[in-house]
Amino acid sequence: MANNTNIRNKKYRLSLLTPTMKRHLDLCVSFYGASKGALEFRKCYVWYTRGFSGTKPLRIGVFSAGSRLEMIRLIEPVAQTHN
């Protein structure tokens, strides 16, 4: 039973994670500017997705992203990656 609850909690957290990440990205871009904001958000992206299965390819891809739009494209699939 505890394992089922843990899985439900992870799925719930993932459903909240994507909007939170987008908001954080927008705040970084607003504060640092478009280019530096996206670069600064890279480390946050890795931190947000740590511990969720299936996100490693996304975390690797984030280091080639250099704009807000590219980051958004990497944020959106986060909630779908957990099995």
C-alpha atoms as a PDB file:
ATOM      1  CA  MET A   1       0.000   0.000   0.000  1.00  0.00           C
ATOM      2  CA  ALA A   2       2.774   2.458   0.858  1.00  0.00           C
ATOM      3  CA  ASN A   3       4.330   1.932  -2.569  1.00  0.00           C
ATOM      4  CA  ASN A   4       1.032   2.808  -4.304  1.00  0.00           C
ATOM      5  CA  THR A   5       0.769   5.972  -2.235  1.00  0.00           C
ATOM      6  CA  ASN A   6       4.328   6.923  -3.136  1.00  0.00           C
ATOM      7  CA  ILE A   7       3.560   6.527  -6.860  1.00  0.00           C
ATOM      8  CA  ARG A   8       0.404   8.646  -6.528  1.00  0.00           C
ATOM      9  CA  ASN A   9       2.349  11.339  -4.669  1.00  0.00           C
ATOM     10  CA  LYS A  10       5.030  11.441  -7.371  1.00  0.00           C
ATOM     11  CA  LYS A  11       2.421  11.799 -10.108  1.00  0.00           C
ATOM     12  CA  TYR A  12       0.730  14.583  -8.149  1.00  0.00           C
ATOM     13  CA  ARG A  13       4.049  16.383  -7.662  1.00  0.00           C
ATOM     14  CA  LEU A  14       4.823  16.052 -11.367  1.00  0.00           C
ATOM     15  CA  SER A  15       1.473  17.622 -12.254  1.00  0.00           C
ATOM     16  CA  LEU A  16       2.431  20.643 -10.142  1.00  0.00           C
ATOM     17  CA  LEU A  17       6.026  20.693 -11.279  1.00  0.00           C
ATOM     18  CA  THR A  18       5.524  21.806 -14.878  1.00  0.00           C
ATOM     19  CA  PRO A  19       3.647  25.058 -14.113  1.00  0.00           C
ATOM     20  CA  THR A  20       6.094  25.822 -11.302  1.00  0.00           C
ATOM     21  CA  MET A  21       9.055  25.347 -13.629  1.00  0.00           C
ATOM     22  CA  LYS A  22       7.502  27.601 -16.275  1.00  0.00           C
ATOM     23  CA  ARG A  23       6.861  30.311 -13.696  1.00  0.00           C
ATOM     24  CA  HIS A  24      10.414  30.050 -12.390  1.00  0.00           C
ATOM     25  CA  LEU A  25      11.773  30.276 -15.946  1.00  0.00           C
ATOM     26  CA  ASP A  26       9.666  33.379 -16.599  1.00  0.00           C
ATOM     27  CA  LEU A  27      10.982  34.964 -13.405  1.00  0.00           C
ATOM     28  CA  CYS A  28      14.578  34.206 -14.412  1.00  0.00           C
ATOM     29  CA  VAL A  29      14.024  35.694 -17.870  1.00  0.00           C
ATOM     30  CA  SER A  30      12.329  38.737 -16.368  1.00  0.00           C
ATOM     31  CA  PHE A  31      15.142  39.306 -13.888  1.00  0.00           C
ATOM     32  CA  TYR A  32      18.229  38.410 -15.959  1.00  0.00           C
ATOM     33  CA  GLY A  33      16.996  39.035 -19.500  1.00  0.00           C
ATOM     34  CA  ALA A  34      16.110  36.528 -22.223  1.00  0.00           C
ATOM     35  CA  SER A  35      19.472  34.921 -22.876  1.00  0.00           C
ATOM     36  CA  LYS A  36      21.039  34.952 -19.402  1.00  0.00           C
ATOM     37  CA  GLY A  37      17.718  34.001 -17.782  1.00  0.00           C
ATOM     38  CA  ALA A  38      17.493  30.825 -19.863  1.00  0.00           C
ATOM     39  CA  LEU A  39      21.106  29.981 -19.060  1.00  0.00           C
ATOM     40  CA  GLU A  40      20.609  30.590 -15.333  1.00  0.00           C
ATOM     41  CA  PHE A  41      17.520  28.362 -15.341  1.00  0.00           C
ATOM     42  CA  ARG A  42      19.524  25.334 -16.547  1.00  0.00           C
ATOM     43  CA  LYS A  43      20.729  24.435 -13.052  1.00  0.00           C
ATOM     44  CA  CYS A  44      17.203  24.885 -11.687  1.00  0.00           C
ATOM     45  CA  TYR A  45      15.809  22.567 -14.367  1.00  0.00           C
ATOM     46  CA  VAL A  46      18.228  19.839 -13.339  1.00  0.00           C
ATOM     47  CA  TRP A  47      17.323  20.335  -9.694  1.00  0.00           C
ATOM     48  CA  TYR A  48      13.555  20.222 -10.395  1.00  0.00           C
ATOM     49  CA  THR A  49      13.763  16.981 -12.386  1.00  0.00           C
ATOM     50  CA  ARG A  50      16.217  15.108 -10.167  1.00  0.00           C
ATOM     51  CA  GLY A  51      14.805  11.843  -8.834  1.00  0.00           C
ATOM     52  CA  PHE A  52      12.139  11.339 -11.505  1.00  0.00           C
ATOM     53  CA  SER A  53      12.643   8.410 -13.844  1.00  0.00           C
ATOM     54  CA  GLY A  54      12.806   9.121 -17.554  1.00  0.00           C
ATOM     55  CA  THR A  55      14.009  12.711 -17.237  1.00  0.00           C
ATOM     56  CA  LYS A  56      17.713  12.095 -17.874  1.00  0.00           C
ATOM     57  CA  PRO A  57      17.505  12.740 -21.660  1.00  0.00           C
ATOM     58  CA  LEU A  58      15.678  15.987 -20.924  1.00  0.00           C
ATOM     59  CA  ARG A  59      18.300  17.032 -18.363  1.00  0.00           C
ATOM     60  CA  ILE A  60      21.032  16.354 -20.911  1.00  0.00           C
ATOM     61  CA  GLY A  61      19.159  18.334 -23.573  1.00  0.00           C
ATOM     62  CA  VAL A  62      18.723  21.345 -21.339  1.00  0.00           C
ATOM     63  CA  PHE A  63      22.413  22.209 -21.647  1.00  0.00           C
ATOM     64  CA  SER A  64      22.025  22.877 -25.363  1.00  0.00           C
ATOM     65  CA  ALA A  65      18.975  25.096 -24.843  1.00  0.00           C
ATOM     66  CA  GLY A  66      19.715  28.797 -24.940  1.00  0.00           C
ATOM     67  CA  SER A  67      16.331  30.474 -25.098  1.00  0.00           C
ATOM     68  CA  ARG A  68      13.055  30.594 -23.204  1.00  0.00           C
ATOM     69  CA  LEU A  69      11.220  28.792 -26.010  1.00  0.00           C
ATOM     70  CA  GLU A  70      13.737  25.945 -26.062  1.00  0.00           C
ATOM     71  CA  MET A  71      13.403  25.615 -22.291  1.00  0.00           C
ATOM     72  CA  ILE A  72       9.596  25.529 -22.525  1.00  0.00           C
ATOM     73  CA  ARG A  73       9.907  22.713 -25.065  1.00  0.00           C
ATOM     74  CA  LEU A  74      11.974  20.776 -22.528  1.00  0.00           C
ATOM     75  CA  ILE A  75       9.682  21.576 -19.594  1.00  0.00           C
ATOM     76  CA  GLU A  76       6.437  20.417 -21.222  1.00  0.00           C
ATOM     77  CA  PRO A  77       7.339  16.692 -21.522  1.00  0.00           C
ATOM     78  CA  VAL A  78       8.497  16.428 -17.878  1.00  0.00           C
ATOM     79  CA  ALA A  79       5.074  15.356 -16.551  1.00  0.00           C
ATOM     80  CA  GLN A  80       4.761  12.641 -19.227  1.00  0.00           C
ATOM     81  CA  THR A  81       8.149  11.032 -18.586  1.00  0.00           C
ATOM     82  CA  HIS A  82       7.333   9.293 -15.292  1.00  0.00           C
ATOM     83  CA  ASN A  83       6.194   5.687 -15.761  1.00  0.00           C
END
